[in-house]
Amino acid sequence: MSEKQTPQCPHCGTAMKKWRTPLNSTWGTEFQWVCFNDDCSYYLRGWEYMWKEQSVKASYRLRMNPETGATGPLPTWSKDAHKDQIIEG
């Protein structure tokens, strides 16, 4: 996956956004691609799943490693969580 190619979320088709990886992260990349569509089915289903399975008010957004293309969840506790680390451009 190239940094110049913006992937689309496989769950909703929305263009994913560059999200700054936290310092000392084990992901080993400067950024991750993340779907920040608040209407994405992956994100919406996460709220119900996390409440049912873990009894917590949380969800997750789809995250993609730009170097490997591997995907996984980015845990989130609110609609606006992590949005302050979106890298524009």
Protein backbone atom coordinates (compact mmCIF):
# COMPACT_ATOMS: atom_id res chain seq x y z
CA MET A 1 0.00 0.00 0.00
CA SER A 2 1.48 3.32 -1.04
CA GLU A 3 1.25 6.43 1.12
CA LYS A 4 -0.15 8.19 -1.95
CA GLN A 5 -2.95 5.65 -2.46
CA THR A 6 -5.88 6.31 -0.18
CA PRO A 7 -7.63 3.02 0.62
CA GLN A 8 -11.36 2.69 0.99
CA CYS A 9 -12.98 1.04 3.98
CA PRO A 10 -14.21 -2.42 2.95
CA HIS A 11 -17.23 -2.02 5.25
CA CYS A 12 -18.60 1.31 3.99
CA GLY A 13 -16.55 2.35 0.95
CA THR A 14 -15.46 5.65 2.52
CA ALA A 15 -11.93 6.91 1.89
CA MET A 16 -9.81 6.19 4.95
CA LYS A 17 -7.79 8.96 6.59
CA LYS A 18 -4.20 9.11 7.74
CA TRP A 19 -4.08 8.93 11.51
CA ARG A 20 -0.92 9.74 13.46
CA THR A 21 0.36 6.67 15.27
CA PRO A 22 1.02 7.33 18.98
CA LEU A 23 4.64 7.65 20.09
CA ASN A 24 6.15 4.35 21.24
CA SER A 25 3.45 2.41 19.42
CA THR A 26 4.23 -1.20 18.57
CA TRP A 27 2.72 -0.68 15.09
CA GLY A 28 6.07 0.69 13.89
CA THR A 29 4.69 3.16 11.34
CA GLU A 30 4.35 6.94 11.31
CA PHE A 31 0.63 6.67 10.54
CA GLN A 32 -2.20 4.19 10.08
CA TRP A 33 -5.14 4.44 7.70
CA VAL A 34 -8.38 4.69 9.70
CA CYS A 35 -12.05 4.83 8.70
CA PHE A 36 -13.61 7.80 10.51
CA ASN A 37 -17.06 7.44 8.94
CA ASP A 38 -19.47 7.63 11.89
CA ASP A 39 -22.04 5.70 9.83
CA CYS A 40 -19.67 2.80 9.00
CA SER A 41 -21.24 -0.56 9.83
CA TYR A 42 -17.98 -1.81 11.44
CA TYR A 43 -17.96 1.16 13.86
CA LEU A 44 -21.72 1.01 14.54
CA ARG A 45 -21.75 -2.75 15.21
CA GLY A 46 -18.82 -2.30 17.57
CA TRP A 47 -20.87 -0.41 20.12
CA GLU A 48 -23.37 -3.25 20.52
CA TYR A 49 -20.68 -5.94 20.45
CA MET A 50 -18.50 -4.30 23.10
CA TRP A 51 -21.49 -3.74 25.39
CA LYS A 52 -22.72 -7.31 24.96
CA GLU A 53 -19.32 -8.99 25.28
CA GLN A 54 -17.39 -6.68 27.62
CA SER A 55 -20.07 -4.51 29.30
CA VAL A 56 -18.24 -1.35 28.25
CA LYS A 57 -19.44 1.67 26.30
CA ALA A 58 -16.84 1.54 23.56
CA SER A 59 -16.44 0.61 19.92
CA TYR A 60 -13.67 0.43 17.34
CA ARG A 61 -12.80 1.84 13.95
CA LEU A 62 -11.13 -0.05 11.15
CA ARG A 63 -7.37 0.53 11.06
CA MET A 64 -4.99 -0.46 8.25
CA ASN A 65 -1.20 -0.67 8.34
CA PRO A 66 0.10 1.32 5.34
CA GLU A 67 3.13 -0.93 4.90
CA THR A 68 1.52 -4.36 5.11
CA GLY A 69 -2.17 -3.76 4.42
CA ALA A 70 -3.04 -5.68 7.60
CA THR A 71 -6.24 -4.49 9.25
CA GLY A 72 -7.50 -4.48 12.80
CA PRO A 73 -9.55 -2.50 15.29
CA LEU A 74 -8.66 0.89 16.72
CA PRO A 75 -10.52 1.00 20.05
CA THR A 76 -12.59 4.14 20.59
CA TRP A 77 -14.59 5.43 23.53
CA SER A 78 -16.49 8.23 21.78
CA LYS A 79 -17.49 9.56 18.37
CA ASP A 80 -14.71 12.15 18.48
CA ALA A 81 -11.94 10.04 20.02
CA HIS A 82 -8.76 9.99 17.90
CA LYS A 83 -10.03 12.58 15.43
CA ASP A 84 -7.54 15.13 16.77
CA GLN A 85 -4.73 13.00 15.35
CA ILE A 86 -5.98 12.91 11.74
CA ILE A 87 -3.22 14.02 9.38
CA GLU A 88 -4.63 16.27 6.68
CA GLY A 89 -3.30 16.21 3.13
